[in-house]
Amino acid sequence: MPQTFPKSERLCSKKILGDLFKKGSAAVRTFYLFPFRVLYLPQPESDSTSNVSLPAIVITVPKRTFKRAVDRNLIRRRVREAYRLHKQLFQIENTSTGSTTPAYIGFLYTAKQIISFEEIEKGMKLAIAKCIVNNVK
């Protein structure tokens, strides 16, 4: 499988982003796992039969914590690369257990400083694994 990050895997829809970040929404599931707060919407029941292999994701880095755009972009690039390298865990888990992946995922960077790629990558692997475990019906 080529390790790419095409437009179809990026979450751009304002409506879905609004649903994902709506406070107090019962449909959105969330958990903290350093350095991320992960929000995700499970597959709708009507779409659970369709074979959507990978979720659409969005990565956010707070402007309040990182004033300089250069820093936010560096973090965003590191998180995107960590996701790109480990997104095949969704497909491996789907084929082995028959579970569905979340439809949409938001990764909110919560660390107060820029951390190394290795730490981000470790957190990303754990976050993806936890998303898979939590989404099993």
Protein backbone atom coordinates (compact mmCIF):
# COMPACT_ATOMS: atom_id res chain seq x y z
CA MET A 1 0.00 0.00 0.00
CA PRO A 2 1.47 3.37 -0.94
CA GLN A 3 1.92 5.66 2.04
CA THR A 4 0.24 8.79 0.77
CA PHE A 5 -2.13 11.33 2.26
CA PRO A 6 -4.65 12.19 -0.50
CA LYS A 7 -7.38 14.82 -0.39
CA SER A 8 -10.02 12.13 0.30
CA GLU A 9 -8.40 11.49 3.71
CA ARG A 10 -8.46 15.16 4.73
CA LEU A 11 -11.47 16.50 6.55
CA CYS A 12 -12.54 19.73 4.84
CA SER A 13 -16.34 19.80 5.15
CA LYS A 14 -17.46 22.70 7.37
CA LYS A 15 -20.62 20.84 8.33
CA ILE A 16 -18.74 17.73 9.50
CA LEU A 17 -16.11 19.86 11.27
CA GLY A 18 -18.93 21.66 13.07
CA ASP A 19 -20.44 18.33 14.13
CA LEU A 20 -17.04 17.03 15.27
CA PHE A 21 -16.25 20.08 17.42
CA LYS A 22 -19.78 20.65 18.76
CA LYS A 23 -19.65 20.85 22.55
CA GLY A 24 -21.75 18.28 24.39
CA SER A 25 -22.60 16.25 21.31
CA ALA A 26 -23.54 12.67 22.17
CA ALA A 27 -22.34 11.32 18.81
CA VAL A 28 -18.75 12.53 19.20
CA ARG A 29 -16.43 10.36 21.26
CA THR A 30 -13.24 11.77 22.76
CA PHE A 31 -10.17 10.81 24.76
CA TYR A 32 -6.85 12.30 25.81
CA LEU A 33 -3.58 10.61 24.99
CA PHE A 34 -0.42 12.72 25.20
CA PRO A 35 0.20 14.82 23.12
CA PHE A 36 -3.31 14.68 21.63
CA ARG A 37 -6.94 15.09 22.44
CA VAL A 38 -8.67 12.84 19.93
CA LEU A 39 -12.27 13.46 18.80
CA TYR A 40 -13.95 11.02 16.48
CA LEU A 41 -17.30 10.29 14.92
CA PRO A 42 -18.08 6.60 14.41
CA GLN A 43 -19.39 5.33 11.07
CA PRO A 44 -23.11 6.01 10.72
CA GLU A 45 -25.17 2.81 10.97
CA SER A 46 -26.35 3.16 7.37
CA ASP A 47 -22.75 3.38 6.11
CA SER A 48 -21.33 0.57 8.23
CA THR A 49 -21.74 -1.92 5.38
CA SER A 50 -19.76 0.22 2.93
CA ASN A 51 -16.07 -0.56 2.80
CA VAL A 52 -14.60 2.83 3.69
CA SER A 53 -11.09 1.87 4.61
CA LEU A 54 -9.59 5.06 6.05
CA PRO A 55 -11.16 7.90 8.03
CA ALA A 56 -10.94 11.57 7.09
CA ILE A 57 -8.81 13.47 9.61
CA VAL A 58 -8.13 17.02 10.69
CA ILE A 59 -5.11 18.20 12.69
CA THR A 60 -5.36 21.31 14.86
CA VAL A 61 -2.62 23.17 16.70
CA PRO A 62 -3.74 26.03 19.00
CA LYS A 63 -2.74 29.55 18.08
CA ARG A 64 -3.03 30.49 21.75
CA THR A 65 -0.13 28.19 22.67
CA PHE A 66 2.01 28.61 19.55
CA LYS A 67 1.89 32.22 18.41
CA ARG A 68 4.21 31.78 15.44
CA ALA A 69 2.76 30.12 12.33
CA VAL A 70 6.15 28.53 11.68
CA ASP A 71 5.85 26.55 14.92
CA ARG A 72 2.25 25.51 14.25
CA ASN A 73 3.16 24.35 10.75
CA LEU A 74 6.14 22.35 12.05
CA ILE A 75 3.95 20.53 14.55
CA ARG A 76 1.23 19.96 11.94
CA ARG A 77 3.78 18.47 9.52
CA ARG A 78 5.14 16.13 12.21
CA VAL A 79 1.65 14.95 13.21
CA ARG A 80 0.63 14.46 9.56
CA GLU A 81 3.75 12.41 8.87
CA ALA A 82 3.21 10.25 11.97
CA TYR A 83 -0.37 9.59 10.86
CA ARG A 84 0.68 8.85 7.28
CA LEU A 85 3.21 6.26 8.44
CA HIS A 86 0.79 4.44 10.76
CA LYS A 87 -2.63 4.77 9.11
CA GLN A 88 -2.37 1.23 7.73
CA LEU A 89 -3.17 0.04 11.28
CA PHE A 90 -6.82 0.86 10.47
CA GLN A 91 -6.81 -1.46 7.44
CA ILE A 92 -4.92 -4.26 9.22
CA GLU A 93 -7.38 -4.15 12.12
CA ASN A 94 -10.42 -4.03 9.80
CA THR A 95 -9.42 -7.14 7.91
CA SER A 96 -8.46 -9.14 11.00
CA THR A 97 -11.45 -8.29 13.25
CA GLY A 98 -14.09 -7.12 10.79
CA SER A 99 -14.60 -3.91 12.77
CA THR A 100 -15.28 -0.52 11.24
CA THR A 101 -13.03 2.51 11.47
CA PRO A 102 -14.25 5.87 12.71
CA ALA A 103 -15.60 7.99 9.87
CA TYR A 104 -13.93 11.24 10.97
CA ILE A 105 -11.10 11.94 13.41
CA GLY A 106 -9.76 15.21 14.84
CA PHE A 107 -6.30 15.32 16.41
CA LEU A 108 -5.91 18.32 18.74
CA TYR A 109 -2.31 18.94 19.77
CA THR A 110 -2.32 19.63 23.53
CA ALA A 111 1.37 19.73 24.51
CA LYS A 112 2.62 23.15 25.63
CA GLN A 113 5.90 22.96 23.72
CA ILE A 114 7.21 21.48 20.48
CA ILE A 115 8.05 17.84 21.09
CA SER A 116 10.19 15.50 19.01
CA PHE A 117 8.83 13.52 16.09
CA GLU A 118 9.56 10.26 17.94
CA GLU A 119 7.25 11.25 20.82
CA ILE A 120 4.54 12.41 18.42
CA GLU A 121 4.84 9.15 16.49
CA LYS A 122 4.55 7.07 19.68
CA GLY A 123 1.44 9.04 20.72
CA MET A 124 -0.08 8.67 17.24
CA LYS A 125 0.34 4.87 17.25
CA LEU A 126 -1.34 4.63 20.65
CA ALA A 127 -4.13 7.02 19.60
CA ILE A 128 -4.90 5.03 16.45
CA ALA A 129 -4.94 1.78 18.43
CA LYS A 130 -7.28 3.29 21.02
CA CYS A 131 -9.59 4.63 18.26
CA ILE A 132 -9.84 1.13 16.83
CA VAL A 133 -10.51 -0.49 20.21
CA ASN A 134 -13.12 2.12 21.21
CA ASN A 135 -14.91 1.91 17.85
CA VAL A 136 -15.49 -1.88 17.92
CA LYS A 137 -19.24 -2.42 18.05
